[in-house]
Protein backbone atom coordinates (compact mmCIF):
# COMPACT_ATOMS: atom_id res chain seq x y z
CA MET A 1 19.69 -3.87 -10.91
CA ALA A 2 16.35 -4.70 -12.38
CA SER A 3 13.55 -3.73 -10.31
CA LYS A 4 11.67 -5.71 -7.57
CA LEU A 5 9.33 -3.57 -7.20
CA LEU A 6 7.72 -2.88 -10.81
CA GLN A 7 6.65 -4.93 -13.53
CA ILE A 8 8.11 -2.99 -16.56
CA ALA A 9 8.43 -3.96 -19.99
CA PRO A 10 11.84 -3.95 -21.76
CA HIS A 11 10.54 -1.07 -24.05
CA GLU A 12 9.67 1.01 -21.09
CA ALA A 13 11.80 3.66 -19.58
CA GLU A 14 12.68 3.77 -15.48
CA ASN A 15 10.21 5.23 -13.41
CA GLN A 16 12.12 7.97 -11.39
CA PHE A 17 10.26 7.94 -8.73
CA GLU A 18 11.25 3.73 -8.06
CA LEU A 19 14.85 4.40 -9.21
CA SER A 20 15.34 6.88 -6.31
CA LEU A 21 13.73 4.57 -3.85
CA ARG A 22 16.41 1.63 -5.04
CA GLN A 23 19.04 4.06 -5.06
CA SER A 24 18.28 4.93 -1.41
CA PHE A 25 18.49 0.80 -0.63
CA GLU A 26 21.36 0.07 -2.42
CA LEU A 27 23.40 3.27 -1.02
CA ILE A 28 22.50 2.74 2.44
CA GLU A 29 21.99 -1.10 2.83
CA PRO A 30 24.68 -2.10 4.74
CA LYS A 31 23.35 0.15 7.34
CA LEU A 32 19.98 -1.51 7.21
CA ARG A 33 21.35 -5.02 9.32
CA PRO A 34 21.41 -4.55 12.93
CA PRO A 35 23.08 -3.24 14.87
CA PHE A 36 21.55 0.19 14.23
CA ARG A 37 23.60 3.86 14.89
CA LEU A 38 22.15 5.11 17.61
CA THR A 39 22.88 8.70 16.35
CA ILE A 40 19.90 11.10 15.47
CA PRO A 41 19.99 11.04 11.69
CA THR A 42 20.06 14.50 9.98
CA PRO A 43 16.93 15.44 7.91
CA GLN A 44 18.66 14.37 4.46
CA GLU A 45 19.80 11.22 6.59
CA TYR A 46 16.46 10.75 7.44
CA SER A 47 14.82 11.25 4.15
CA GLN A 48 17.09 8.94 2.81
CA LEU A 49 16.87 6.05 5.33
CA SER A 50 13.08 6.28 5.13
CA MET A 51 13.12 5.91 1.27
CA ALA A 52 15.41 3.27 1.56
CA ILE A 53 13.46 1.71 4.72
CA LEU A 54 10.38 1.67 2.36
CA TYR A 55 12.21 -0.16 -0.81
CA GLY A 56 13.32 -2.89 1.89
CA VAL A 57 10.08 -3.42 3.43
CA LEU A 58 8.35 -3.75 -0.04
CA CYS A 59 11.29 -6.18 -1.89
CA GLU A 60 12.37 -7.73 1.04
CA PRO A 61 9.56 -9.62 2.94
CA HIS A 62 11.95 -11.96 5.05
CA PHE A 63 13.75 -8.38 6.39
CA ALA A 64 10.16 -6.17 6.37
CA LYS A 65 10.29 -6.63 10.39
CA THR A 66 13.92 -5.55 11.11
CA HIS A 67 13.19 -2.43 8.55
CA ILE A 68 10.06 -1.46 10.58
CA LYS A 69 12.22 -2.01 13.80
CA HIS A 70 14.91 0.37 12.45
CA LEU A 71 12.47 2.57 11.41
CA HIS A 72 11.12 2.83 14.61
CA ALA A 73 14.08 3.68 16.43
CA ILE A 74 14.71 6.51 14.04
CA VAL A 75 11.25 8.21 13.33
CA THR A 76 11.36 12.02 14.64
CA ASP A 77 8.50 13.41 12.64
CA GLY A 78 5.65 10.96 13.26
CA TYR A 79 5.88 8.84 10.30
CA SER A 80 4.53 11.80 8.69
CA PHE A 81 7.43 11.68 5.84
CA PHE A 82 7.42 7.45 5.91
CA VAL A 83 3.56 7.27 5.14
CA SER A 84 4.12 10.28 2.60
CA LEU A 85 6.30 7.93 0.72
CA VAL A 86 4.06 5.24 0.72
CA ILE A 87 1.12 7.30 -0.40
CA LYS A 88 3.55 8.50 -3.55
CA VAL A 89 3.77 4.63 -4.23
CA VAL A 90 0.12 3.52 -4.20
CA ASN A 91 -0.81 6.61 -6.36
CA GLU A 92 2.22 6.41 -9.06
CA LEU A 93 2.67 2.96 -9.35
CA TYR A 94 0.06 0.71 -7.70
CA SER A 95 -1.00 -0.55 -10.83
CA LYS A 96 2.46 -1.78 -11.79
CA LEU A 97 3.60 -3.12 -8.54
CA VAL A 98 4.93 -6.71 -8.37
CA GLU A 99 1.98 -9.31 -6.48
CA SER A 100 4.55 -9.83 -3.16
CA VAL A 101 5.16 -5.79 -3.20
CA LYS A 102 1.60 -5.04 -2.90
CA ASN A 103 1.61 -7.63 -0.36
CA GLN A 104 3.85 -5.76 1.72
CA LEU A 105 1.64 -2.59 1.05
CA ILE A 106 -1.07 -3.77 2.81
CA TRP A 107 1.30 -5.13 5.80
CA VAL A 108 2.99 -1.92 6.08
CA THR A 109 -0.47 -0.05 6.28
CA LYS A 110 -1.53 -2.49 8.95
CA GLU A 111 1.98 -1.11 11.08
CA MET A 112 1.66 2.52 10.56
CA ILE A 113 -2.50 1.96 11.61
CA ASP A 114 -1.00 0.22 15.04
CA VAL A 115 1.63 3.56 15.50
CA SER A 116 -1.02 5.61 14.32
CA ALA A 117 0.97 7.15 12.02
CA VAL A 118 0.83 10.94 10.72
CA GLY A 119 -1.13 10.62 7.16
CA ILE A 120 -2.77 7.08 7.84
CA ASP A 121 -6.06 8.34 6.46
CA GLY A 122 -4.42 9.56 3.36
CA LEU A 123 -2.83 6.27 2.71
CA LEU A 124 -6.06 4.28 3.43
CA VAL A 125 -7.87 6.45 1.09
CA SER A 126 -5.65 6.71 -1.43
CA LEU A 127 -5.41 2.52 -1.28
CA LEU A 128 -9.42 2.50 -1.53
CA ARG A 129 -9.28 4.99 -4.84
CA GLN A 130 -7.72 1.73 -6.15
CA ILE A 131 -10.70 -0.05 -6.07
CA VAL A 132 -11.73 -0.01 -9.75
CA GLY A 133 -15.66 -0.15 -9.76
CA GLY A 134 -17.23 -2.73 -12.22
CA ASP A 135 -13.54 -4.54 -12.14
CA PHE A 136 -13.93 -8.12 -10.84
CA SER A 137 -10.42 -9.27 -12.02
CA GLU A 138 -8.64 -11.23 -9.27
CA GLY A 139 -6.65 -8.29 -7.92
CA ASN A 140 -9.11 -5.91 -7.65
CA LEU A 141 -11.04 -8.44 -5.78
CA TRP A 142 -7.97 -9.35 -3.56
CA LEU A 143 -7.76 -5.45 -3.05
CA CYS A 144 -11.16 -5.39 -1.77
CA PHE A 145 -11.30 -8.37 0.56
CA GLU A 146 -7.47 -7.16 1.97
CA LEU A 147 -8.64 -3.68 2.72
CA VAL A 148 -11.79 -5.12 4.38
CA SER A 149 -10.04 -7.47 6.71
CA LEU A 150 -7.65 -4.68 7.47
CA PHE A 151 -11.08 -2.22 8.20
CA TRP A 152 -12.43 -5.47 10.18
CA ALA A 153 -9.18 -6.09 12.08
CA LYS A 154 -8.62 -2.89 13.09
CA TRP A 155 -12.16 -1.43 13.76
CA ASP A 156 -12.15 -0.26 17.19
CA TRP A 157 -8.95 1.81 16.20
CA PHE A 158 -11.00 3.40 13.63
CA LEU A 159 -13.82 4.23 15.63
CA ASP A 160 -11.29 6.07 18.14
CA GLU A 161 -9.09 7.58 15.67
CA GLU A 162 -10.96 7.82 12.12
CA PRO A 163 -14.46 7.36 11.78
CA MET A 164 -14.94 9.33 8.77
CA LEU A 165 -12.51 7.00 7.09
CA LEU A 166 -15.21 4.26 7.93
CA ALA A 167 -17.53 6.48 6.07
CA SER A 168 -15.23 6.08 2.71
CA ALA A 169 -14.80 2.75 2.79
CA LEU A 170 -18.59 2.07 3.40
CA PHE A 171 -19.11 3.96 0.13
CA THR A 172 -16.46 2.58 -1.61
CA TYR A 173 -18.10 -0.68 -1.18
CA LEU A 174 -21.83 -0.08 -1.69
CA ARG A 175 -20.38 1.46 -5.17
CA VAL A 176 -18.91 -2.04 -5.52
CA LEU A 177 -21.38 -3.91 -4.75
CA ALA A 178 -23.82 -1.94 -6.83
CA ASP A 179 -21.72 -2.91 -9.42
CA HIS A 180 -21.49 -6.23 -8.67
CA CYS A 181 -25.38 -6.44 -8.78
CA ARG A 182 -26.05 -4.75 -11.72
CA LEU A 183 -23.56 -7.30 -13.14
CA SER A 184 -25.18 -9.99 -11.50
CA SER A 185 -29.08 -8.96 -13.03
CA ASN A 186 -27.34 -8.48 -16.38
CA VAL A 187 -26.03 -11.97 -16.26
CA LYS A 188 -29.59 -12.97 -15.11
CA LEU A 189 -31.17 -11.21 -17.85
CA GLU A 190 -29.29 -12.77 -20.53
CA ALA A 191 -29.72 -16.04 -19.43
CA LEU A 192 -33.28 -15.85 -19.09
CA LYS A 193 -33.81 -14.40 -22.72
CA ARG A 194 -31.04 -17.79 -23.90
CA ILE A 195 -33.59 -19.83 -22.37
CA GLY A 196 -36.57 -18.21 -23.91
CA ASP A 197 -35.30 -18.75 -27.28
C-alpha cells in the first residue's frame, strides 16, 4: 500500500515511523469503526490503537471526528502518548507531508487544545519551529496563517493555560515580520536603483 501520509520519490526508502503508523492502521482498521469495544486496552493495545487512530485522523479526513471520538473513549494517559506521536510526525515528517495531511495536523492540534492534552505545549512549539524565516513560499505562509488563526481562536485558553507559548509565538512572528520587512526594503531599494539608472 502506498503512503497516503508522505510525498515520497520512487527512489526513496520508506520512512520507518510512517510505515509503523500505516501498519498499525491496516492491522486495526476494522476496530476503528463504531461500535467501539468498551474494554480498557492493555498498554500494547493502547499504543497500537493510538498509532492507528493518528494515521486515520491524518489520512481519512472524512472519518477524523469518528477517530477522535474513539481516542477520547480509550485515552488513559491524558493524551500524552498520542500527542508525542503527533510531535514526532511534525518533527520528522513535516516537510514531506501531503498537503491534506498538513490540514489535518492543524485540525488535530485544535482538538488536543480543546481537551488540554498533556504535551500540547511541545506540539505547538514543534509547529512554530516549522515556520522558516525568510521563506515566503505558499506553504510557509499557510502555516503562519493557520497558527496565527489557532492562537487567535484559542486566545483565552492560552492566557489561562499556556501564556509562555504566546511569547514563543510572538518571537516567531516578529522574526518572520523582520524578514518580510527586510525583503520589502531590498525590493524597494532595487526598484529605486533601476529607476535611477
